[in-house]
Amino acid sequence: MSAILAHTARARLVAVARARAFSSSLRRQEADNAPKPPKPIDDSTSALEYKRTLRQRPPPLPSMDLPRSRSAEEAVTNILYNTPPPSLQPFKKHVLNCLVQNEPGVLSRVSGILAGRGFNIDSLVVCRTEIRDLSRMCVVLRGQDGVVEQARRQLEDLVPVWAVLDYTDTHCIERELLLAKVSVLGPEYVEEQLLGGPTHEPRRHQPSQEPTDPKLEREAALAQHFEHSADPDAAAHIPAPLTPSQTLRLKSDHLQAIQVLSAQFGGHIVDVSEHSVIVEMCGKTKRVEAFLALLKPFGLLESARTGLMVMPRTPIRNSEDVDESEEGGEVDASLLPPG
């Protein structure tokens, strides 16, 4: 009887242990199946693994030149010097959009590859994206299609680079930001304003208040007259000092003209000081250059540009094409009329 009771007790203990193990395995399985946040990217090898998984054979490089018949002069030059003729492909503007890992040293590696291939970067804009570990570079340069494509593939082979897109022939939105400091006194006083210090106040030669000898004053006047005798127009280039009323009138007229011109280009004045204003304007590169050319007659003291930023347009799906494709599909024979 005692053996039966002991066996029953052991069976109960085993059943309880199995139930506990089963419940713990269920809890562990539920914890494993629960949604988890994405793993943080600590290094740039994730971009390398991503490109390995999507590795496809790239298309062949575009041909550098169109086939044409060679002249006798080109044939003889090639035979003598063993140098092929230069490429006749035109140089045009290319816009490369690089998606890179947000880590130190990426910018130097990208610019180093472009510099090694002899590219002069027209503009370069780098900033973080909405993703924590991802940054976007917008590089604008000029070159031939084949050479730029080789550089693009070389950039894409870098470890911290996820992808490099060429937006040259893509419909994109292009924008560039400009900040320009313009004088409100006119172009005649720009040189004096640049010498006047950070306030851009025209530098004036104030007469000395100390008593001087009349003989020394006459000698200084004769020396000044002798200096300007070789160039009669030199004295005309020196602007005359303005009266307070003239200064106020000049500032009001120039400020109004700059404000009207900025409004025509979609810009606005963001800072007004005593002798200059700062204008902000955003637009395409050609529009920014045209705005700068129109601001120069007022007296351009300083300018700063951010460089080109691009984003591709989203294509619009045409509803008429969808209806035609749906009408041209297979027809169910059971729905057709008899005969």
C-alpha atoms as a PDB file:
ATOM      1  CA  MET A   1       0.000   0.000   0.000  1.00  0.00           C
ATOM      2  CA  SER A   2       2.847   2.385   0.820  1.00  0.00           C
ATOM      3  CA  ALA A   3       4.459   1.652  -2.553  1.00  0.00           C
ATOM      4  CA  ILE A   4       1.231   2.593  -4.321  1.00  0.00           C
ATOM      5  CA  LEU A   5       0.989   5.869  -2.385  1.00  0.00           C
ATOM      6  CA  ALA A   6       4.630   6.712  -3.130  1.00  0.00           C
ATOM      7  CA  HIS A   7       4.116   5.984  -6.829  1.00  0.00           C
ATOM      8  CA  THR A   8       0.993   8.179  -6.849  1.00  0.00           C
ATOM      9  CA  ALA A   9       2.874  11.040  -5.139  1.00  0.00           C
ATOM     10  CA  ARG A  10       5.709  10.801  -7.646  1.00  0.00           C
ATOM     11  CA  ALA A  11       3.226  10.826 -10.513  1.00  0.00           C
ATOM     12  CA  ARG A  12       1.601  13.977  -9.130  1.00  0.00           C
ATOM     13  CA  LEU A  13       4.970  15.699  -8.748  1.00  0.00           C
ATOM     14  CA  VAL A  14       5.914  14.821 -12.326  1.00  0.00           C
ATOM     15  CA  ALA A  15       2.549  16.108 -13.597  1.00  0.00           C
ATOM     16  CA  VAL A  16       2.956  19.375 -11.668  1.00  0.00           C
ATOM     17  CA  ALA A  17       6.520  19.807 -13.026  1.00  0.00           C
ATOM     18  CA  ARG A  18       5.352  19.141 -16.582  1.00  0.00           C
ATOM     19  CA  ALA A  19       2.498  21.646 -16.208  1.00  0.00           C
ATOM     20  CA  ARG A  20       4.900  24.289 -14.895  1.00  0.00           C
ATOM     21  CA  ALA A  21       7.359  23.616 -17.733  1.00  0.00           C
ATOM     22  CA  PHE A  22       4.558  23.793 -20.297  1.00  0.00           C
ATOM     23  CA  SER A  23       3.260  27.111 -18.918  1.00  0.00           C
ATOM     24  CA  SER A  24       6.765  28.603 -18.838  1.00  0.00           C
ATOM     25  CA  SER A  25       7.352  27.490 -22.463  1.00  0.00           C
ATOM     26  CA  LEU A  26       4.036  29.092 -23.447  1.00  0.00           C
ATOM     27  CA  ARG A  27       5.048  32.366 -21.770  1.00  0.00           C
ATOM     28  CA  ARG A  28       8.458  32.228 -23.454  1.00  0.00           C
ATOM     29  CA  GLN A  29       6.853  31.603 -26.864  1.00  0.00           C
ATOM     30  CA  GLU A  30       4.420  34.487 -26.383  1.00  0.00           C
ATOM     31  CA  ALA A  31       7.317  36.772 -25.427  1.00  0.00           C
ATOM     32  CA  ASP A  32       9.230  35.704 -28.548  1.00  0.00           C
ATOM     33  CA  ASN A  33       6.204  36.313 -30.802  1.00  0.00           C
ATOM     34  CA  ALA A  34       5.499  39.760 -29.333  1.00  0.00           C
ATOM     35  CA  PRO A  35       6.352  42.692 -31.673  1.00  0.00           C
ATOM     36  CA  LYS A  36       9.775  44.188 -30.983  1.00  0.00           C
ATOM     37  CA  PRO A  37      11.322  47.499 -32.030  1.00  0.00           C
ATOM     38  CA  PRO A  38      13.933  47.380 -34.822  1.00  0.00           C
ATOM     39  CA  LYS A  39      17.460  46.636 -33.759  1.00  0.00           C
ATOM     40  CA  PRO A  40      19.676  49.741 -33.557  1.00  0.00           C
ATOM     41  CA  ILE A  41      22.326  50.035 -36.241  1.00  0.00           C
ATOM     42  CA  ASP A  42      25.606  50.432 -34.392  1.00  0.00           C
ATOM     43  CA  ASP A  43      28.007  50.282 -37.334  1.00  0.00           C
ATOM     44  CA  SER A  44      28.093  50.650 -41.091  1.00  0.00           C
ATOM     45  CA  THR A  45      28.315  46.934 -41.880  1.00  0.00           C
ATOM     46  CA  SER A  46      24.523  46.757 -42.066  1.00  0.00           C
ATOM     47  CA  ALA A  47      24.632  48.730 -45.302  1.00  0.00           C
ATOM     48  CA  LEU A  48      27.175  46.241 -46.682  1.00  0.00           C
ATOM     49  CA  GLU A  49      24.985  43.247 -45.772  1.00  0.00           C
ATOM     50  CA  TYR A  50      21.945  44.987 -47.278  1.00  0.00           C
ATOM     51  CA  LYS A  51      23.741  45.489 -50.578  1.00  0.00           C
ATOM     52  CA  ARG A  52      24.943  41.889 -50.587  1.00  0.00           C
ATOM     53  CA  THR A  53      21.383  40.599 -50.274  1.00  0.00           C
ATOM     54  CA  LEU A  54      20.241  42.772 -53.184  1.00  0.00           C
ATOM     55  CA  ARG A  55      23.364  42.204 -55.260  1.00  0.00           C
ATOM     56  CA  GLN A  56      22.476  42.078 -58.942  1.00  0.00           C
ATOM     57  CA  ARG A  57      24.607  42.192 -61.992  1.00  0.00           C
ATOM     58  CA  PRO A  58      24.817  45.870 -62.970  1.00  0.00           C
ATOM     59  CA  PRO A  59      23.944  46.868 -66.519  1.00  0.00           C
ATOM     60  CA  PRO A  60      26.812  47.569 -68.893  1.00  0.00           C
ATOM     61  CA  LEU A  61      28.340  51.019 -68.803  1.00  0.00           C
ATOM     62  CA  PRO A  62      27.068  53.472 -71.413  1.00  0.00           C
ATOM     63  CA  SER A  63      29.230  53.847 -74.473  1.00  0.00           C
ATOM     64  CA  MET A  64      31.546  56.819 -74.299  1.00  0.00           C
ATOM     65  CA  ASP A  65      31.478  57.730 -78.011  1.00  0.00           C
ATOM     66  CA  LEU A  66      29.314  57.100 -81.004  1.00  0.00           C
ATOM     67  CA  PRO A  67      30.997  55.040 -83.765  1.00  0.00           C
ATOM     68  CA  ARG A  68      32.361  57.252 -86.485  1.00  0.00           C
ATOM     69  CA  SER A  69      34.881  57.029 -89.269  1.00  0.00           C
ATOM     70  CA  ARG A  70      38.414  58.068 -88.332  1.00  0.00           C
ATOM     71  CA  SER A  71      40.494  60.383 -90.453  1.00  0.00           C
ATOM     72  CA  ALA A  72      44.043  59.728 -91.611  1.00  0.00           C
ATOM     73  CA  GLU A  73      45.412  62.342 -89.198  1.00  0.00           C
ATOM     74  CA  GLU A  74      43.769  60.602 -86.227  1.00  0.00           C
ATOM     75  CA  ALA A  75      45.036  57.185 -87.365  1.00  0.00           C
ATOM     76  CA  VAL A  76      48.620  58.401 -87.762  1.00  0.00           C
ATOM     77  CA  THR A  77      48.521  60.198 -84.388  1.00  0.00           C
ATOM     78  CA  ASN A  78      47.244  57.047 -82.702  1.00  0.00           C
ATOM     79  CA  ILE A  79      49.953  54.912 -84.311  1.00  0.00           C
ATOM     80  CA  LEU A  80      52.786  57.304 -83.461  1.00  0.00           C
ATOM     81  CA  TYR A  81      51.860  58.212 -79.900  1.00  0.00           C
ATOM     82  CA  ASN A  82      49.609  55.255 -79.012  1.00  0.00           C
ATOM     83  CA  THR A  83      47.018  57.557 -77.482  1.00  0.00           C
ATOM     84  CA  PRO A  84      43.315  57.255 -78.313  1.00  0.00           C
ATOM     85  CA  PRO A  85      41.443  60.400 -79.311  1.00  0.00           C
ATOM     86  CA  PRO A  86      39.731  62.258 -76.482  1.00  0.00           C
ATOM     87  CA  SER A  87      36.119  61.526 -75.715  1.00  0.00           C
ATOM     88  CA  LEU A  88      33.642  63.697 -77.560  1.00  0.00           C
ATOM     89  CA  GLN A  89      30.871  63.184 -75.028  1.00  0.00           C
ATOM     90  CA  PRO A  90      29.598  66.515 -73.677  1.00  0.00           C
ATOM     91  CA  PHE A  91      30.076  67.594 -70.070  1.00  0.00           C
ATOM     92  CA  LYS A  92      26.768  68.194 -68.325  1.00  0.00           C
ATOM     93  CA  LYS A  93      25.456  68.690 -64.823  1.00  0.00           C
ATOM     94  CA  HIS A  94      24.799  65.558 -62.759  1.00  0.00           C
ATOM     95  CA  VAL A  95      22.932  65.356 -59.463  1.00  0.00           C
ATOM     96  CA  LEU A  96      23.853  62.417 -57.209  1.00  0.00           C
ATOM     97  CA  ASN A  97      21.787  61.581 -54.140  1.00  0.00           C
ATOM     98  CA  CYS A  98      23.736  59.446 -51.654  1.00  0.00           C
ATOM     99  CA  LEU A  99      22.060  57.612 -48.759  1.00  0.00           C
ATOM    100  CA  VAL A 100      24.847  57.021 -46.223  1.00  0.00           C
ATOM    101  CA  GLN A 101      25.291  55.825 -42.665  1.00  0.00           C
ATOM    102  CA  ASN A 102      25.293  58.648 -40.130  1.00  0.00           C
ATOM    103  CA  GLU A 103      28.811  58.212 -38.767  1.00  0.00           C
ATOM    104  CA  PRO A 104      32.077  60.216 -38.736  1.00  0.00           C
ATOM    105  CA  GLY A 105      34.266  60.137 -41.839  1.00  0.00           C
ATOM    106  CA  VAL A 106      31.630  59.392 -44.489  1.00  0.00           C
ATOM    107  CA  LEU A 107      31.829  62.850 -46.072  1.00  0.00           C
ATOM    108  CA  SER A 108      35.623  62.700 -46.418  1.00  0.00           C
ATOM    109  CA  ARG A 109      35.480  59.283 -48.089  1.00  0.00           C
ATOM    110  CA  VAL A 110      32.834  60.351 -50.596  1.00  0.00           C
ATOM    111  CA  SER A 111      34.590  63.607 -51.455  1.00  0.00           C
ATOM    112  CA  GLY A 112      37.935  61.776 -51.637  1.00  0.00           C
ATOM    113  CA  ILE A 113      36.660  59.397 -54.324  1.00  0.00           C
ATOM    114  CA  LEU A 114      35.233  62.272 -56.370  1.00  0.00           C
ATOM    115  CA  ALA A 115      38.449  64.277 -55.990  1.00  0.00           C
ATOM    116  CA  GLY A 116      40.529  61.264 -57.017  1.00  0.00           C
ATOM    117  CA  ARG A 117      38.590  61.052 -60.260  1.00  0.00           C
ATOM    118  CA  GLY A 118      39.121  64.740 -60.976  1.00  0.00           C
ATOM    119  CA  PHE A 119      35.600  66.011 -60.269  1.00  0.00           C
ATOM    120  CA  ASN A 120      35.044  69.526 -58.993  1.00  0.00           C
ATOM    121  CA  ILE A 121      32.013  69.489 -56.676  1.00  0.00           C
ATOM    122  CA  ASP A 122      29.757  72.444 -57.513  1.00  0.00           C
ATOM    123  CA  SER A 123      27.646  72.045 -54.368  1.00  0.00           C
ATOM    124  CA  LEU A 124      27.315  69.529 -51.541  1.00  0.00           C
ATOM    125  CA  VAL A 125      24.428  69.422 -49.050  1.00  0.00           C
ATOM    126  CA  VAL A 126      24.467  66.902 -46.173  1.00  0.00           C
ATOM    127  CA  CYS A 127      21.859  66.502 -43.457  1.00  0.00           C
ATOM    128  CA  ARG A 128      20.198  63.837 -41.320  1.00  0.00           C
ATOM    129  CA  THR A 129      16.912  62.311 -42.439  1.00  0.00           C
ATOM    130  CA  GLU A 130      13.859  61.241 -40.493  1.00  0.00           C
ATOM    131  CA  ILE A 131      15.674  57.939 -39.798  1.00  0.00           C
ATOM    132  CA  ARG A 132      18.126  58.159 -36.904  1.00  0.00           C
ATOM    133  CA  ASP A 133      21.035  56.321 -38.550  1.00  0.00           C
ATOM    134  CA  LEU A 134      20.577  57.601 -42.122  1.00  0.00           C
ATOM    135  CA  SER A 135      21.886  60.771 -43.768  1.00  0.00           C
ATOM    136  CA  ARG A 136      21.304  62.155 -47.246  1.00  0.00           C
ATOM    137  CA  MET A 137      23.942  63.796 -49.446  1.00  0.00           C
ATOM    138  CA  CYS A 138      23.080  65.827 -52.524  1.00  0.00           C
ATOM    139  CA  VAL A 139      26.159  66.248 -54.756  1.00  0.00           C
ATOM    140  CA  VAL A 140      26.125  68.424 -57.887  1.00  0.00           C
ATOM    141  CA  LEU A 141      29.029  68.038 -60.318  1.00  0.00           C
ATOM    142  CA  ARG A 142      29.819  68.253 -64.031  1.00  0.00           C
ATOM    143  CA  GLY A 143      31.197  65.407 -66.129  1.00  0.00           C
ATOM    144  CA  GLN A 144      30.602  62.852 -68.845  1.00  0.00           C
ATOM    145  CA  ASP A 145      27.914  60.208 -68.451  1.00  0.00           C
ATOM    146  CA  GLY A 146      30.259  57.224 -68.504  1.00  0.00           C
ATOM    147  CA  VAL A 147      32.770  58.680 -66.056  1.00  0.00           C
ATOM    148  CA  VAL A 148      30.042  59.805 -63.652  1.00  0.00           C
ATOM    149  CA  GLU A 149      28.451  56.353 -63.782  1.00  0.00           C
ATOM    150  CA  GLN A 150      31.797  54.759 -62.893  1.00  0.00           C
ATOM    151  CA  ALA A 151      32.167  57.152 -59.954  1.00  0.00           C
ATOM    152  CA  ARG A 152      28.595  56.393 -58.831  1.00  0.00           C
ATOM    153  CA  ARG A 153      29.286  52.651 -58.734  1.00  0.00           C
ATOM    154  CA  GLN A 154      32.537  53.236 -56.881  1.00  0.00           C
ATOM    155  CA  LEU A 155      30.695  55.336 -54.288  1.00  0.00           C
ATOM    156  CA  GLU A 156      28.059  52.638 -53.905  1.00  0.00           C
ATOM    157  CA  ASP A 157      30.773  50.073 -53.107  1.00  0.00           C
ATOM    158  CA  LEU A 158      31.801  51.993 -49.981  1.00  0.00           C
ATOM    159  CA  VAL A 159      30.867  50.225 -46.755  1.00  0.00           C
ATOM    160  CA  PRO A 160      28.883  53.068 -45.065  1.00  0.00           C
ATOM    161  CA  VAL A 161      26.976  53.918 -48.277  1.00  0.00           C
ATOM    162  CA  TRP A 162      23.538  52.354 -48.673  1.00  0.00           C
ATOM    163  CA  ALA A 163      22.705  53.550 -52.188  1.00  0.00           C
ATOM    164  CA  VAL A 164      23.654  56.257 -54.719  1.00  0.00           C
ATOM    165  CA  LEU A 165      20.924  57.565 -57.044  1.00  0.00           C
ATOM    166  CA  ASP A 166      21.485  59.618 -60.185  1.00  0.00           C
ATOM    167  CA  TYR A 167      18.724  62.232 -60.526  1.00  0.00           C
ATOM    168  CA  THR A 168      20.124  63.814 -63.709  1.00  0.00           C
ATOM    169  CA  ASP A 169      17.299  62.727 -66.025  1.00  0.00           C
ATOM    170  CA  THR A 170      14.596  62.524 -63.325  1.00  0.00           C
ATOM    171  CA  HIS A 171      11.803  65.042 -62.809  1.00  0.00           C
ATOM    172  CA  CYS A 172      12.780  66.605 -59.492  1.00  0.00           C
ATOM    173  CA  ILE A 173      11.998  69.583 -57.315  1.00  0.00           C
ATOM    174  CA  GLU A 174      15.175  71.685 -57.018  1.00  0.00           C
ATOM    175  CA  ARG A 175      15.627  74.355 -54.357  1.00  0.00           C
ATOM    176  CA  GLU A 176      18.492  76.502 -53.089  1.00  0.00           C
ATOM    177  CA  LEU A 177      18.505  79.005 -50.235  1.00  0.00           C
ATOM    178  CA  LEU A 178      20.215  82.400 -50.534  1.00  0.00           C
ATOM    179  CA  LEU A 179      21.061  84.997 -47.891  1.00  0.00           C
ATOM    180  CA  ALA A 180      22.336  88.318 -49.272  1.00  0.00           C
ATOM    181  CA  LYS A 181      23.409  91.445 -47.383  1.00  0.00           C
ATOM    182  CA  VAL A 182      22.695  94.533 -49.491  1.00  0.00           C
ATOM    183  CA  SER A 183      23.641  98.155 -48.891  1.00  0.00           C
ATOM    184  CA  VAL A 184      20.837 100.716 -48.601  1.00  0.00           C
ATOM    185  CA  LEU A 185      23.159 103.650 -49.356  1.00  0.00           C
ATOM    186  CA  GLY A 186      23.962 102.703 -52.942  1.00  0.00           C
ATOM    187  CA  PRO A 187      26.913 101.244 -54.862  1.00  0.00           C
ATOM    188  CA  GLU A 188      28.972 104.452 -54.477  1.00  0.00           C
ATOM    189  CA  TYR A 189      29.453 103.808 -50.760  1.00  0.00           C
ATOM    190  CA  VAL A 190      30.092 100.042 -50.854  1.00  0.00           C
ATOM    191  CA  GLU A 191      33.879 100.372 -50.738  1.00  0.00           C
ATOM    192  CA  GLU A 192      33.641 102.775 -47.807  1.00  0.00           C
ATOM    193  CA  GLN A 193      31.157 100.473 -46.059  1.00  0.00           C
ATOM    194  CA  LEU A 194      33.480  97.460 -46.414  1.00  0.00           C
ATOM    195  CA  LEU A 195      36.223  99.481 -44.721  1.00  0.00           C
ATOM    196  CA  GLY A 196      33.871 100.684 -42.006  1.00  0.00           C
ATOM    197  CA  GLY A 197      33.864  97.483 -39.976  1.00  0.00           C
ATOM    198  CA  PRO A 198      31.063  95.088 -38.981  1.00  0.00           C
ATOM    199  CA  THR A 199      28.463  97.881 -38.817  1.00  0.00           C
ATOM    200  CA  HIS A 200      29.067  98.710 -42.518  1.00  0.00           C
ATOM    201  CA  GLU A 201      29.024 102.412 -41.727  1.00  0.00           C
ATOM    202  CA  PRO A 202      30.836 104.406 -44.429  1.00  0.00           C
ATOM    203  CA  ARG A 203      34.316 105.261 -43.317  1.00  0.00           C
ATOM    204  CA  ARG A 204      34.785 109.011 -43.052  1.00  0.00           C
ATOM    205  CA  HIS A 205      38.045 110.936 -42.813  1.00  0.00           C
ATOM    206  CA  GLN A 206      37.294 113.326 -39.978  1.00  0.00           C
ATOM    207  CA  PRO A 207      39.382 116.497 -39.877  1.00  0.00           C
ATOM    208  CA  SER A 208      41.704 116.771 -36.950  1.00  0.00           C
ATOM    209  CA  GLN A 209      40.468 118.939 -34.091  1.00  0.00           C
ATOM    210  CA  GLU A 210      43.968 119.900 -32.985  1.00  0.00           C
ATOM    211  CA  PRO A 211      45.243 123.349 -33.981  1.00  0.00           C
ATOM    212  CA  THR A 212      47.622 123.098 -36.932  1.00  0.00           C
ATOM    213  CA  ASP A 213      50.007 125.478 -38.540  1.00  0.00           C
ATOM    214  CA  PRO A 214      48.576 127.293 -41.613  1.00  0.00           C
ATOM    215  CA  LYS A 215      51.823 126.637 -43.407  1.00  0.00           C
ATOM    216  CA  LEU A 216      51.484 122.869 -42.832  1.00  0.00           C
ATOM    217  CA  GLU A 217      47.856 122.964 -44.038  1.00  0.00           C
ATOM    218  CA  ARG A 218      48.933 124.697 -47.279  1.00  0.00           C
ATOM    219  CA  GLU A 219      51.683 122.117 -47.821  1.00  0.00           C
ATOM    220  CA  ALA A 220      49.196 119.228 -47.245  1.00  0.00           C
ATOM    221  CA  ALA A 221      46.749 120.775 -49.722  1.00  0.00           C
ATOM    222  CA  LEU A 222      49.524 121.156 -52.317  1.00  0.00           C
ATOM    223  CA  ALA A 223      50.590 117.531 -51.797  1.00  0.00           C
ATOM    224  CA  GLN A 224      47.009 116.287 -52.197  1.00  0.00           C
ATOM    225  CA  HIS A 225      46.587 118.374 -55.344  1.00  0.00           C
ATOM    226  CA  PHE A 226      49.833 116.956 -56.735  1.00  0.00           C
ATOM    227  CA  GLU A 227      48.648 113.368 -56.064  1.00  0.00           C
ATOM    228  CA  HIS A 228      45.367 113.851 -57.946  1.00  0.00           C
ATOM    229  CA  SER A 229      46.900 115.842 -60.803  1.00  0.00           C
ATOM    230  CA  ALA A 230      47.951 112.660 -62.654  1.00  0.00           C
ATOM    231  CA  ASP A 231      44.378 111.277 -62.521  1.00  0.00           C
ATOM    232  CA  PRO A 232      41.794 114.055 -62.804  1.00  0.00           C
ATOM    233  CA  ASP A 233      38.914 111.603 -62.288  1.00  0.00           C
ATOM    234  CA  ALA A 234      40.290 110.250 -59.001  1.00  0.00           C
ATOM    235  CA  ALA A 235      38.657 112.972 -56.977  1.00  0.00           C
ATOM    236  CA  ALA A 236      35.325 112.295 -58.651  1.00  0.00           C
ATOM    237  CA  HIS A 237      35.333 108.676 -57.405  1.00  0.00           C
ATOM    238  CA  ILE A 238      35.430 109.788 -53.777  1.00  0.00           C
ATOM    239  CA  PRO A 239      31.808 110.135 -52.604  1.00  0.00           C
ATOM    240  CA  ALA A 240      30.859 113.363 -50.975  1.00  0.00           C
ATOM    241  CA  PRO A 241      29.573 113.199 -47.402  1.00  0.00           C
ATOM    242  CA  LEU A 242      25.783 112.993 -47.200  1.00  0.00           C
ATOM    243  CA  THR A 243      23.561 115.225 -45.159  1.00  0.00           C
ATOM    244  CA  PRO A 244      21.121 113.525 -42.757  1.00  0.00           C
ATOM    245  CA  SER A 245      18.190 114.289 -45.076  1.00  0.00           C
ATOM    246  CA  GLN A 246      19.955 112.834 -48.102  1.00  0.00           C
ATOM    247  CA  THR A 247      20.922 109.728 -46.157  1.00  0.00           C
ATOM    248  CA  LEU A 248      17.341 109.185 -44.992  1.00  0.00           C
ATOM    249  CA  ARG A 249      15.995 109.686 -48.521  1.00  0.00           C
ATOM    250  CA  LEU A 250      18.511 107.247 -50.017  1.00  0.00           C
ATOM    251  CA  LYS A 251      17.767 104.594 -47.400  1.00  0.00           C
ATOM    252  CA  SER A 252      14.023 104.871 -47.902  1.00  0.00           C
ATOM    253  CA  ASP A 253      14.188 104.659 -51.710  1.00  0.00           C
ATOM    254  CA  HIS A 254      16.661 101.772 -51.818  1.00  0.00           C
ATOM    255  CA  LEU A 255      14.861  99.826 -49.093  1.00  0.00           C
ATOM    256  CA  GLN A 256      11.570 100.090 -50.963  1.00  0.00           C
ATOM    257  CA  ALA A 257      13.178  99.015 -54.258  1.00  0.00           C
ATOM    258  CA  ILE A 258      14.894  96.007 -52.632  1.00  0.00           C
ATOM    259  CA  GLN A 259      11.640  94.987 -50.958  1.00  0.00           C
ATOM    260  CA  VAL A 260       9.700  95.116 -54.248  1.00  0.00           C
ATOM    261  CA  LEU A 261      12.414  93.162 -56.087  1.00  0.00           C
ATOM    262  CA  SER A 262      12.515  90.492 -53.365  1.00  0.00           C
ATOM    263  CA  ALA A 263       8.734  90.098 -53.478  1.00  0.00           C
ATOM    264  CA  GLN A 264       8.886  89.496 -57.247  1.00  0.00           C
ATOM    265  CA  PHE A 265      11.280  86.563 -56.671  1.00  0.00           C
ATOM    266  CA  GLY A 266       9.407  85.128 -53.688  1.00  0.00           C
ATOM    267  CA  GLY A 267      11.931  86.405 -51.141  1.00  0.00           C
ATOM    268  CA  HIS A 268      11.640  88.720 -48.180  1.00  0.00           C
ATOM    269  CA  ILE A 269      13.787  90.890 -45.936  1.00  0.00           C
ATOM    270  CA  VAL A 270      14.749  89.139 -42.700  1.00  0.00           C
ATOM    271  CA  ASP A 271      16.969  91.801 -41.104  1.00  0.00           C
ATOM    272  CA  VAL A 272      17.138  95.590 -41.304  1.00  0.00           C
ATOM    273  CA  SER A 273      20.063  97.553 -39.917  1.00  0.00           C
ATOM    274  CA  GLU A 274      21.184 101.147 -40.176  1.00  0.00           C
ATOM    275  CA  HIS A 275      23.163 100.821 -43.394  1.00  0.00           C
ATOM    276  CA  SER A 276      22.267  97.390 -44.843  1.00  0.00           C
ATOM    277  CA  VAL A 277      19.547  94.737 -45.072  1.00  0.00           C
ATOM    278  CA  ILE A 278      19.613  90.932 -45.322  1.00  0.00           C
ATOM    279  CA  VAL A 279      17.375  89.315 -47.951  1.00  0.00           C
ATOM    280  CA  GLU A 280      16.297  85.659 -47.918  1.00  0.00           C
ATOM    281  CA  MET A 281      15.265  83.908 -51.131  1.00  0.00           C
ATOM    282  CA  CYS A 282      14.597  80.261 -52.036  1.00  0.00           C
ATOM    283  CA  GLY A 283      14.340  78.915 -55.579  1.00  0.00           C
ATOM    284  CA  LYS A 284      16.089  77.124 -58.425  1.00  0.00           C
ATOM    285  CA  THR A 285      19.758  77.756 -59.109  1.00  0.00           C
ATOM    286  CA  LYS A 286      19.154  79.866 -62.224  1.00  0.00           C
ATOM    287  CA  ARG A 287      16.545  81.923 -60.383  1.00  0.00           C
ATOM    288  CA  VAL A 288      18.945  82.520 -57.482  1.00  0.00           C
ATOM    289  CA  GLU A 289      21.693  83.630 -59.874  1.00  0.00           C
ATOM    290  CA  ALA A 290      19.295  86.005 -61.642  1.00  0.00           C
ATOM    291  CA  PHE A 291      18.228  87.482 -58.303  1.00  0.00           C
ATOM    292  CA  LEU A 292      21.873  88.003 -57.313  1.00  0.00           C
ATOM    293  CA  ALA A 293      22.581  89.756 -60.627  1.00  0.00           C
ATOM    294  CA  LEU A 294      19.705  92.162 -59.993  1.00  0.00           C
ATOM    295  CA  LEU A 295      20.869  92.853 -56.434  1.00  0.00           C
ATOM    296  CA  LYS A 296      24.444  93.775 -57.416  1.00  0.00           C
ATOM    297  CA  PRO A 297      23.578  97.315 -58.653  1.00  0.00           C
ATOM    298  CA  PHE A 298      22.320  98.167 -55.140  1.00  0.00           C
ATOM    299  CA  GLY A 299      25.675  97.227 -53.611  1.00  0.00           C
ATOM    300  CA  LEU A 300      26.156  93.599 -52.553  1.00  0.00           C
ATOM    301  CA  LEU A 301      28.129  93.403 -49.311  1.00  0.00           C
ATOM    302  CA  GLU A 302      27.970  89.665 -48.608  1.00  0.00           C
ATOM    303  CA  SER A 303      26.131  86.548 -49.810  1.00  0.00           C
ATOM    304  CA  ALA A 304      25.769  82.908 -48.710  1.00  0.00           C
ATOM    305  CA  ARG A 305      24.167  79.982 -50.557  1.00  0.00           C
ATOM    306  CA  THR A 306      23.291  76.530 -49.238  1.00  0.00           C
ATOM    307  CA  GLY A 307      23.708  74.557 -52.456  1.00  0.00           C
ATOM    308  CA  LEU A 308      21.170  72.533 -54.427  1.00  0.00           C
ATOM    309  CA  MET A 309      18.693  70.177 -52.721  1.00  0.00           C
ATOM    310  CA  VAL A 310      16.535  67.845 -54.834  1.00  0.00           C
ATOM    311  CA  MET A 311      13.641  65.474 -54.281  1.00  0.00           C
ATOM    312  CA  PRO A 312      12.040  63.427 -57.107  1.00  0.00           C
ATOM    313  CA  ARG A 313       8.453  64.080 -58.046  1.00  0.00           C
ATOM    314  CA  THR A 314       5.837  61.408 -57.334  1.00  0.00           C
ATOM    315  CA  PRO A 315       4.201  60.207 -60.591  1.00  0.00           C
ATOM    316  CA  ILE A 316       0.438  60.586 -60.897  1.00  0.00           C
ATOM    317  CA  ARG A 317      -1.473  57.515 -62.000  1.00  0.00           C
ATOM    318  CA  ASN A 318      -3.825  58.249 -64.879  1.00  0.00           C
ATOM    319  CA  SER A 319      -7.328  56.871 -64.323  1.00  0.00           C
ATOM    320  CA  GLU A 320      -8.013  56.610 -68.079  1.00  0.00           C
ATOM    321  CA  ASP A 321      -5.086  54.251 -68.569  1.00  0.00           C
ATOM    322  CA  VAL A 322      -6.363  52.081 -65.716  1.00  0.00           C
ATOM    323  CA  ASP A 323      -9.833  51.823 -67.289  1.00  0.00           C
ATOM    324  CA  GLU A 324      -8.388  50.876 -70.671  1.00  0.00           C
ATOM    325  CA  SER A 325      -6.225  48.176 -69.117  1.00  0.00           C
ATOM    326  CA  GLU A 326      -9.176  46.764 -67.216  1.00  0.00           C
ATOM    327  CA  GLU A 327     -11.364  46.722 -70.351  1.00  0.00           C
ATOM    328  CA  GLY A 328      -8.696  44.925 -72.360  1.00  0.00           C
ATOM    329  CA  GLY A 329      -8.461  41.965 -69.949  1.00  0.00           C
ATOM    330  CA  GLU A 330      -9.799  38.446 -70.329  1.00  0.00           C
ATOM    331  CA  VAL A 331     -13.563  38.061 -70.867  1.00  0.00           C
ATOM    332  CA  ASP A 332     -15.608  35.352 -69.122  1.00  0.00           C
ATOM    333  CA  ALA A 333     -17.381  33.268 -71.789  1.00  0.00           C
ATOM    334  CA  SER A 334     -20.293  32.519 -69.472  1.00  0.00           C
ATOM    335  CA  LEU A 335     -21.242  36.203 -69.418  1.00  0.00           C
ATOM    336  CA  LEU A 336     -21.526  36.464 -73.238  1.00  0.00           C
ATOM    337  CA  PRO A 337     -24.985  36.342 -74.888  1.00  0.00           C
ATOM    338  CA  PRO A 338     -25.929  33.101 -76.705  1.00  0.00           C
ATOM    339  CA  GLY A 339     -24.841  32.753 -80.341  1.00  0.00           C
END
